[in-house]
Amino acid sequence: MYLSIIIPAFNEARLILQCLDSVSKSLAANQRPGFKYEIIVVDNNSTDDTAKLARNAGARVVFEPINQIGRARNAGAASAGGDWFLFVDADSLLNQDMIADILKMIDSGRYVGCGSVMRMPDSPWWGTLILKVWTVISVTFRWASGALVVCRADAFRDVGGFNQDLYAADEIDLSRLLKQWGRKRRLKFTILKRFPLVTSARKLRLYSGREMASQFFQVLLSPRKSLQNKKKLPVWYDGRR
């Protein structure tokens, strides 16, 4: 098995080392004969030391000049050599038990991929509520969160990767396509629940409840126009860190 870990990163100098440390420790704890991996950080046109820090930590760095989450993920996948891809956001932390579950899923031969439920420490009460609602939706519809998506490399390529017409929710679109690809081959797409991915609550601290609600309702009322226009998605793209 050859696993490519792909981390899109835009101005993540504050958090990239914590993420990479969690990745390295989780993989090391699950070493076994025949298990290969690589760690790729996609520098999505950062203006800080993200790329330098990642290289110094031992990751391979790929540059993607156009600032778009899906495009950065696709750039990492295009340079990856693994037969499985694991996409994880730079403000998230893997853990060894989650990796163990992912490897068991792969070994079973019954799945095209998976996502994971999340835990968001230090989230405000309304952020915790939103996460609970999203968890129910994610598990029910088997939609992966963008913070963690795992899939077979051949399936990823066959479905065209992340949709670059979308500036957000591209992970939901990919989940749908992977499920379709898997059904034809009697393979499942699942959401892992035992060991949640720890992800940062920074957006909930950087943006007020009013700003987050405004973004949510804009997408809800006009999803196509909003998701295909970076200017209408400030929570993802205004660069606030």
C-alpha atoms as a PDB file:
ATOM      1  CA  MET A   1       0.000   0.000   0.000  1.00  0.00           C
ATOM      2  CA  TYR A   2       1.246   3.454  -0.914  1.00  0.00           C
ATOM      3  CA  LEU A   3      -0.538   6.373   0.762  1.00  0.00           C
ATOM      4  CA  SER A   4      -0.095   9.972  -0.386  1.00  0.00           C
ATOM      5  CA  ILE A   5      -0.957  12.562   2.277  1.00  0.00           C
ATOM      6  CA  ILE A   6      -1.837  15.861   0.576  1.00  0.00           C
ATOM      7  CA  ILE A   7      -2.090  19.073   2.597  1.00  0.00           C
ATOM      8  CA  PRO A   8      -3.310  22.263   0.861  1.00  0.00           C
ATOM      9  CA  ALA A   9      -1.893  25.306   2.620  1.00  0.00           C
ATOM     10  CA  PHE A  10      -2.347  29.060   2.178  1.00  0.00           C
ATOM     11  CA  ASN A  11      -0.496  31.210   4.725  1.00  0.00           C
ATOM     12  CA  GLU A  12      -0.445  28.437   7.323  1.00  0.00           C
ATOM     13  CA  ALA A  13       2.900  29.238   8.977  1.00  0.00           C
ATOM     14  CA  ARG A  14       1.259  29.254  12.416  1.00  0.00           C
ATOM     15  CA  LEU A  15      -0.239  25.774  12.129  1.00  0.00           C
ATOM     16  CA  ILE A  16       1.567  23.777   9.436  1.00  0.00           C
ATOM     17  CA  LEU A  17       4.199  22.319  11.765  1.00  0.00           C
ATOM     18  CA  GLN A  18       1.566  21.054  14.209  1.00  0.00           C
ATOM     19  CA  CYS A  19      -0.290  19.424  11.336  1.00  0.00           C
ATOM     20  CA  LEU A  20       2.864  17.831   9.904  1.00  0.00           C
ATOM     21  CA  ASP A  21       3.926  16.599  13.339  1.00  0.00           C
ATOM     22  CA  SER A  22       0.534  14.912  13.822  1.00  0.00           C
ATOM     23  CA  VAL A  23       0.803  13.316  10.379  1.00  0.00           C
ATOM     24  CA  SER A  24       4.333  12.000  10.948  1.00  0.00           C
ATOM     25  CA  LYS A  25       3.582  10.592  14.403  1.00  0.00           C
ATOM     26  CA  SER A  26       0.322   8.972  13.263  1.00  0.00           C
ATOM     27  CA  LEU A  27       2.012   7.294  10.306  1.00  0.00           C
ATOM     28  CA  ALA A  28       5.025   6.176  12.341  1.00  0.00           C
ATOM     29  CA  ALA A  29       2.730   4.537  14.892  1.00  0.00           C
ATOM     30  CA  ASN A  30       1.163   2.485  12.103  1.00  0.00           C
ATOM     31  CA  GLN A  31       4.295   1.361  10.274  1.00  0.00           C
ATOM     32  CA  ARG A  32       4.287  -2.192   8.961  1.00  0.00           C
ATOM     33  CA  PRO A  33       5.922  -4.151   6.143  1.00  0.00           C
ATOM     34  CA  GLY A  34       4.815  -3.023   2.689  1.00  0.00           C
ATOM     35  CA  PHE A  35       3.334   0.293   3.887  1.00  0.00           C
ATOM     36  CA  LYS A  36       4.791   3.290   2.044  1.00  0.00           C
ATOM     37  CA  TYR A  37       3.753   6.910   2.320  1.00  0.00           C
ATOM     38  CA  GLU A  38       4.662  10.385   1.177  1.00  0.00           C
ATOM     39  CA  ILE A  39       3.721  13.785   2.580  1.00  0.00           C
ATOM     40  CA  ILE A  40       2.967  16.588   0.122  1.00  0.00           C
ATOM     41  CA  VAL A  41       2.230  20.175   1.113  1.00  0.00           C
ATOM     42  CA  VAL A  42       0.675  22.318  -1.606  1.00  0.00           C
ATOM     43  CA  ASP A  43       1.780  25.920  -1.179  1.00  0.00           C
ATOM     44  CA  ASN A  44      -1.249  27.745  -2.552  1.00  0.00           C
ATOM     45  CA  ASN A  45       0.559  31.030  -3.289  1.00  0.00           C
ATOM     46  CA  SER A  46       1.374  31.790   0.350  1.00  0.00           C
ATOM     47  CA  THR A  47       3.049  35.054   1.313  1.00  0.00           C
ATOM     48  CA  ASP A  48       4.446  33.730   4.601  1.00  0.00           C
ATOM     49  CA  ASP A  49       6.930  30.962   5.481  1.00  0.00           C
ATOM     50  CA  THR A  50       4.531  28.048   4.943  1.00  0.00           C
ATOM     51  CA  ALA A  51       6.603  26.444   2.162  1.00  0.00           C
ATOM     52  CA  LYS A  52       9.950  26.898   3.949  1.00  0.00           C
ATOM     53  CA  LEU A  53       8.640  25.424   7.190  1.00  0.00           C
ATOM     54  CA  ALA A  54       7.105  22.468   5.378  1.00  0.00           C
ATOM     55  CA  ARG A  55      10.326  21.692   3.499  1.00  0.00           C
ATOM     56  CA  ASN A  56      12.368  21.936   6.683  1.00  0.00           C
ATOM     57  CA  ALA A  57       9.967  19.484   8.309  1.00  0.00           C
ATOM     58  CA  GLY A  58      10.614  16.945   5.547  1.00  0.00           C
ATOM     59  CA  ALA A  59       7.517  17.383   3.405  1.00  0.00           C
ATOM     60  CA  ARG A  60       7.650  17.661  -0.377  1.00  0.00           C
ATOM     61  CA  VAL A  61       6.287  21.053  -1.413  1.00  0.00           C
ATOM     62  CA  VAL A  62       4.282  21.644  -4.590  1.00  0.00           C
ATOM     63  CA  PHE A  63       3.399  25.173  -5.705  1.00  0.00           C
ATOM     64  CA  GLU A  64      -0.056  26.109  -6.978  1.00  0.00           C
ATOM     65  CA  PRO A  65      -0.253  29.801  -7.960  1.00  0.00           C
ATOM     66  CA  ILE A  66      -4.050  30.139  -8.185  1.00  0.00           C
ATOM     67  CA  ASN A  67      -5.625  30.520  -4.765  1.00  0.00           C
ATOM     68  CA  GLN A  68      -8.416  27.929  -4.717  1.00  0.00           C
ATOM     69  CA  ILE A  69      -8.848  25.020  -2.318  1.00  0.00           C
ATOM     70  CA  GLY A  70      -9.905  22.425  -4.889  1.00  0.00           C
ATOM     71  CA  ARG A  71      -7.198  23.471  -7.322  1.00  0.00           C
ATOM     72  CA  ALA A  72      -4.561  23.129  -4.592  1.00  0.00           C
ATOM     73  CA  ARG A  73      -5.797  19.645  -3.708  1.00  0.00           C
ATOM     74  CA  ASN A  74      -5.765  18.642  -7.376  1.00  0.00           C
ATOM     75  CA  ALA A  75      -2.212  19.962  -7.778  1.00  0.00           C
ATOM     76  CA  GLY A  76      -1.091  17.776  -4.893  1.00  0.00           C
ATOM     77  CA  ALA A  77      -2.848  14.741  -6.338  1.00  0.00           C
ATOM     78  CA  ALA A  78      -1.293  15.342  -9.767  1.00  0.00           C
ATOM     79  CA  SER A  79       2.184  15.062  -8.252  1.00  0.00           C
ATOM     80  CA  ALA A  80       1.360  12.156  -5.920  1.00  0.00           C
ATOM     81  CA  GLY A  81       2.516   8.595  -6.476  1.00  0.00           C
ATOM     82  CA  GLY A  82       0.289   6.732  -4.041  1.00  0.00           C
ATOM     83  CA  ASP A  83      -2.505   4.328  -4.873  1.00  0.00           C
ATOM     84  CA  TRP A  84      -4.553   6.003  -2.119  1.00  0.00           C
ATOM     85  CA  PHE A  85      -4.873   9.729  -1.395  1.00  0.00           C
ATOM     86  CA  LEU A  86      -5.487  11.298   2.016  1.00  0.00           C
ATOM     87  CA  PHE A  87      -6.369  14.992   1.852  1.00  0.00           C
ATOM     88  CA  VAL A  88      -6.172  16.818   5.184  1.00  0.00           C
ATOM     89  CA  ASP A  89      -6.383  20.547   5.900  1.00  0.00           C
ATOM     90  CA  ALA A  90      -3.378  22.325   7.371  1.00  0.00           C
ATOM     91  CA  ASP A  91      -5.347  23.470  10.431  1.00  0.00           C
ATOM     92  CA  SER A  92      -6.265  19.889  11.348  1.00  0.00           C
ATOM     93  CA  LEU A  93      -4.537  17.155  13.350  1.00  0.00           C
ATOM     94  CA  LEU A  94      -4.474  13.457  12.541  1.00  0.00           C
ATOM     95  CA  ASN A  95      -4.217  10.826  15.246  1.00  0.00           C
ATOM     96  CA  GLN A  96      -2.794   7.317  15.169  1.00  0.00           C
ATOM     97  CA  ASP A  97      -6.117   5.609  15.898  1.00  0.00           C
ATOM     98  CA  MET A  98      -7.789   7.360  12.979  1.00  0.00           C
ATOM     99  CA  ILE A  99      -4.947   6.292  10.676  1.00  0.00           C
ATOM    100  CA  ALA A 100      -5.306   2.727  11.966  1.00  0.00           C
ATOM    101  CA  ASP A 101      -9.016   2.811  11.072  1.00  0.00           C
ATOM    102  CA  ILE A 102      -8.245   4.240   7.631  1.00  0.00           C
ATOM    103  CA  LEU A 103      -5.720   1.470   6.965  1.00  0.00           C
ATOM    104  CA  LYS A 104      -8.252  -1.159   8.075  1.00  0.00           C
ATOM    105  CA  MET A 105     -10.794   0.344   5.686  1.00  0.00           C
ATOM    106  CA  ILE A 106      -8.267   0.174   2.833  1.00  0.00           C
ATOM    107  CA  ASP A 107      -7.203  -3.375   3.722  1.00  0.00           C
ATOM    108  CA  SER A 108     -10.808  -4.593   3.679  1.00  0.00           C
ATOM    109  CA  GLY A 109     -11.056  -4.000  -0.065  1.00  0.00           C
ATOM    110  CA  ARG A 110     -14.691  -2.939   0.346  1.00  0.00           C
ATOM    111  CA  TYR A 111     -14.386   0.830   0.087  1.00  0.00           C
ATOM    112  CA  VAL A 112     -13.630   3.525  -2.459  1.00  0.00           C
ATOM    113  CA  GLY A 113     -12.930   6.036   0.306  1.00  0.00           C
ATOM    114  CA  CYS A 114     -14.063   7.801   3.452  1.00  0.00           C
ATOM    115  CA  GLY A 115     -14.413  10.997   5.385  1.00  0.00           C
ATOM    116  CA  SER A 116     -14.437  11.533   9.140  1.00  0.00           C
ATOM    117  CA  VAL A 117     -16.462  13.191  11.837  1.00  0.00           C
ATOM    118  CA  MET A 118     -14.679  16.116  13.484  1.00  0.00           C
ATOM    119  CA  ARG A 119     -13.946  17.562  16.887  1.00  0.00           C
ATOM    120  CA  MET A 120     -13.401  21.297  17.240  1.00  0.00           C
ATOM    121  CA  PRO A 121     -11.848  22.260  20.605  1.00  0.00           C
ATOM    122  CA  ASP A 122     -12.500  25.745  22.008  1.00  0.00           C
ATOM    123  CA  SER A 123     -15.429  26.338  19.694  1.00  0.00           C
ATOM    124  CA  PRO A 124     -18.126  28.827  20.788  1.00  0.00           C
ATOM    125  CA  TRP A 125     -21.489  27.300  21.652  1.00  0.00           C
ATOM    126  CA  TRP A 126     -23.012  28.164  18.300  1.00  0.00           C
ATOM    127  CA  GLY A 127     -20.020  26.614  16.530  1.00  0.00           C
ATOM    128  CA  THR A 128     -20.507  23.400  18.500  1.00  0.00           C
ATOM    129  CA  LEU A 129     -24.166  23.374  17.485  1.00  0.00           C
ATOM    130  CA  ILE A 130     -23.297  23.870  13.802  1.00  0.00           C
ATOM    131  CA  LEU A 131     -20.767  21.043  13.993  1.00  0.00           C
ATOM    132  CA  LYS A 132     -23.354  18.695  15.548  1.00  0.00           C
ATOM    133  CA  VAL A 133     -25.806  19.475  12.747  1.00  0.00           C
ATOM    134  CA  TRP A 134     -23.114  18.962  10.116  1.00  0.00           C
ATOM    135  CA  THR A 135     -22.108  15.648  11.708  1.00  0.00           C
ATOM    136  CA  VAL A 136     -25.643  14.311  11.359  1.00  0.00           C
ATOM    137  CA  ILE A 137     -25.785  15.455   7.719  1.00  0.00           C
ATOM    138  CA  SER A 138     -22.314  14.085   6.955  1.00  0.00           C
ATOM    139  CA  VAL A 139     -23.002  10.632   8.426  1.00  0.00           C
ATOM    140  CA  THR A 140     -26.528  10.397   6.964  1.00  0.00           C
ATOM    141  CA  PHE A 141     -25.609  11.341   3.398  1.00  0.00           C
ATOM    142  CA  ARG A 142     -21.986  10.109   3.582  1.00  0.00           C
ATOM    143  CA  TRP A 143     -20.607  13.521   2.619  1.00  0.00           C
ATOM    144  CA  ALA A 144     -16.995  14.072   3.614  1.00  0.00           C
ATOM    145  CA  SER A 145     -15.862  17.277   5.225  1.00  0.00           C
ATOM    146  CA  GLY A 146     -13.114  19.035   3.287  1.00  0.00           C
ATOM    147  CA  ALA A 147     -10.908  18.777   6.347  1.00  0.00           C
ATOM    148  CA  LEU A 148     -10.384  15.054   5.594  1.00  0.00           C
ATOM    149  CA  VAL A 149     -11.075  13.058   2.434  1.00  0.00           C
ATOM    150  CA  VAL A 150      -9.541   9.642   1.708  1.00  0.00           C
ATOM    151  CA  CYS A 151      -9.991   7.844  -1.613  1.00  0.00           C
ATOM    152  CA  ARG A 152      -8.497   5.469  -4.121  1.00  0.00           C
ATOM    153  CA  ALA A 153      -6.214   7.269  -6.561  1.00  0.00           C
ATOM    154  CA  ASP A 154      -7.740   5.589  -9.613  1.00  0.00           C
ATOM    155  CA  ALA A 155     -11.253   6.584  -8.536  1.00  0.00           C
ATOM    156  CA  PHE A 156     -10.116  10.157  -7.918  1.00  0.00           C
ATOM    157  CA  ARG A 157      -8.660  10.403 -11.409  1.00  0.00           C
ATOM    158  CA  ASP A 158     -11.621   8.701 -13.074  1.00  0.00           C
ATOM    159  CA  VAL A 159     -14.133  11.168 -11.604  1.00  0.00           C
ATOM    160  CA  GLY A 160     -11.945  14.186 -12.428  1.00  0.00           C
ATOM    161  CA  GLY A 161     -10.811  15.103  -8.913  1.00  0.00           C
ATOM    162  CA  PHE A 162     -12.133  18.163  -7.113  1.00  0.00           C
ATOM    163  CA  ASN A 163     -14.439  20.338  -9.205  1.00  0.00           C
ATOM    164  CA  GLN A 164     -12.493  23.529  -9.987  1.00  0.00           C
ATOM    165  CA  ASP A 165     -15.686  25.380 -10.871  1.00  0.00           C
ATOM    166  CA  LEU A 166     -16.452  25.338  -7.141  1.00  0.00           C
ATOM    167  CA  TYR A 167     -14.647  27.464  -4.561  1.00  0.00           C
ATOM    168  CA  ALA A 168     -16.269  25.638  -1.638  1.00  0.00           C
ATOM    169  CA  ALA A 169     -18.293  22.444  -1.059  1.00  0.00           C
ATOM    170  CA  ASP A 170     -16.140  20.676  -3.663  1.00  0.00           C
ATOM    171  CA  GLU A 171     -15.636  17.873  -1.138  1.00  0.00           C
ATOM    172  CA  ILE A 172     -19.391  17.205  -1.156  1.00  0.00           C
ATOM    173  CA  ASP A 173     -19.354  17.051  -4.936  1.00  0.00           C
ATOM    174  CA  LEU A 174     -16.388  14.656  -4.820  1.00  0.00           C
ATOM    175  CA  SER A 175     -18.152  12.476  -2.225  1.00  0.00           C
ATOM    176  CA  ARG A 176     -21.119  12.158  -4.575  1.00  0.00           C
ATOM    177  CA  LEU A 177     -18.930  11.209  -7.540  1.00  0.00           C
ATOM    178  CA  LEU A 178     -16.916   8.690  -5.527  1.00  0.00           C
ATOM    179  CA  LYS A 179     -20.105   7.024  -4.301  1.00  0.00           C
ATOM    180  CA  GLN A 180     -21.299   6.698  -7.904  1.00  0.00           C
ATOM    181  CA  TRP A 181     -17.936   5.279  -8.988  1.00  0.00           C
ATOM    182  CA  GLY A 182     -17.964   2.860  -6.073  1.00  0.00           C
ATOM    183  CA  ARG A 183     -21.516   1.598  -6.602  1.00  0.00           C
ATOM    184  CA  LYS A 184     -20.593   0.341 -10.062  1.00  0.00           C
ATOM    185  CA  ARG A 185     -17.832  -1.726  -8.450  1.00  0.00           C
ATOM    186  CA  ARG A 186     -19.696  -2.720  -5.262  1.00  0.00           C
ATOM    187  CA  LEU A 187     -17.510  -0.442  -3.160  1.00  0.00           C
ATOM    188  CA  LYS A 188     -18.744   1.832  -0.370  1.00  0.00           C
ATOM    189  CA  PHE A 189     -17.920   5.365   0.724  1.00  0.00           C
ATOM    190  CA  THR A 190     -18.166   5.834   4.483  1.00  0.00           C
ATOM    191  CA  ILE A 191     -17.693   8.355   7.267  1.00  0.00           C
ATOM    192  CA  LEU A 192     -15.414   7.178  10.082  1.00  0.00           C
ATOM    193  CA  LYS A 193     -16.802   7.940  13.536  1.00  0.00           C
ATOM    194  CA  ARG A 194     -14.662   6.296  16.233  1.00  0.00           C
ATOM    195  CA  PHE A 195     -11.708   8.717  16.306  1.00  0.00           C
ATOM    196  CA  PRO A 196     -12.693  12.219  15.168  1.00  0.00           C
ATOM    197  CA  LEU A 197     -10.369  14.493  13.264  1.00  0.00           C
ATOM    198  CA  VAL A 198      -9.331  17.432  15.431  1.00  0.00           C
ATOM    199  CA  THR A 199      -9.717  20.638  13.459  1.00  0.00           C
ATOM    200  CA  SER A 200      -9.229  24.286  14.310  1.00  0.00           C
ATOM    201  CA  ALA A 201     -12.071  26.544  15.408  1.00  0.00           C
ATOM    202  CA  ARG A 202     -10.163  29.602  14.227  1.00  0.00           C
ATOM    203  CA  LYS A 203     -12.790  30.680  11.681  1.00  0.00           C
ATOM    204  CA  LEU A 204     -15.335  30.769  14.482  1.00  0.00           C
ATOM    205  CA  ARG A 205     -13.008  33.072  16.431  1.00  0.00           C
ATOM    206  CA  LEU A 206     -11.991  35.225  13.451  1.00  0.00           C
ATOM    207  CA  TYR A 207     -15.549  35.808  12.244  1.00  0.00           C
ATOM    208  CA  SER A 208     -18.545  36.926  14.237  1.00  0.00           C
ATOM    209  CA  GLY A 209     -21.728  34.901  14.438  1.00  0.00           C
ATOM    210  CA  ARG A 210     -23.367  37.505  12.219  1.00  0.00           C
ATOM    211  CA  GLU A 211     -20.665  37.154   9.555  1.00  0.00           C
ATOM    212  CA  MET A 212     -20.908  33.369   9.606  1.00  0.00           C
ATOM    213  CA  ALA A 213     -24.703  33.460   9.411  1.00  0.00           C
ATOM    214  CA  SER A 214     -24.544  35.899   6.501  1.00  0.00           C
ATOM    215  CA  GLN A 215     -22.169  33.600   4.628  1.00  0.00           C
ATOM    216  CA  PHE A 216     -24.353  30.555   5.343  1.00  0.00           C
ATOM    217  CA  PHE A 217     -27.584  32.150   4.141  1.00  0.00           C
ATOM    218  CA  GLN A 218     -25.938  33.578   1.032  1.00  0.00           C
ATOM    219  CA  VAL A 219     -24.818  30.092   0.017  1.00  0.00           C
ATOM    220  CA  LEU A 220     -28.177  28.576   1.006  1.00  0.00           C
ATOM    221  CA  LEU A 221     -30.220  31.098  -1.006  1.00  0.00           C
ATOM    222  CA  SER A 222     -27.968  31.156  -4.068  1.00  0.00           C
ATOM    223  CA  PRO A 223     -25.726  28.096  -3.982  1.00  0.00           C
ATOM    224  CA  ARG A 224     -24.584  28.005  -7.592  1.00  0.00           C
ATOM    225  CA  LYS A 225     -23.671  31.692  -7.827  1.00  0.00           C
ATOM    226  CA  SER A 226     -22.056  31.727  -4.397  1.00  0.00           C
ATOM    227  CA  LEU A 227     -20.004  28.528  -4.685  1.00  0.00           C
ATOM    228  CA  GLN A 228     -18.664  29.469  -8.106  1.00  0.00           C
ATOM    229  CA  ASN A 229     -17.581  32.987  -7.128  1.00  0.00           C
ATOM    230  CA  LYS A 230     -14.635  33.443  -4.774  1.00  0.00           C
ATOM    231  CA  LYS A 231     -15.682  37.021  -3.987  1.00  0.00           C
ATOM    232  CA  LYS A 232     -18.914  35.728  -2.491  1.00  0.00           C
ATOM    233  CA  LEU A 233     -17.031  33.393  -0.105  1.00  0.00           C
ATOM    234  CA  PRO A 234     -15.023  35.694   2.186  1.00  0.00           C
ATOM    235  CA  VAL A 235     -14.942  33.166   5.044  1.00  0.00           C
ATOM    236  CA  TRP A 236     -12.837  30.934   2.800  1.00  0.00           C
ATOM    237  CA  TYR A 237     -10.931  33.475   0.732  1.00  0.00           C
ATOM    238  CA  ASP A 238     -10.485  36.887   2.355  1.00  0.00           C
ATOM    239  CA  GLY A 239      -7.157  35.756   3.839  1.00  0.00           C
ATOM    240  CA  ARG A 240      -8.046  36.378   7.462  1.00  0.00           C
ATOM    241  CA  ARG A 241      -5.754  34.282   9.678  1.00  0.00           C
END
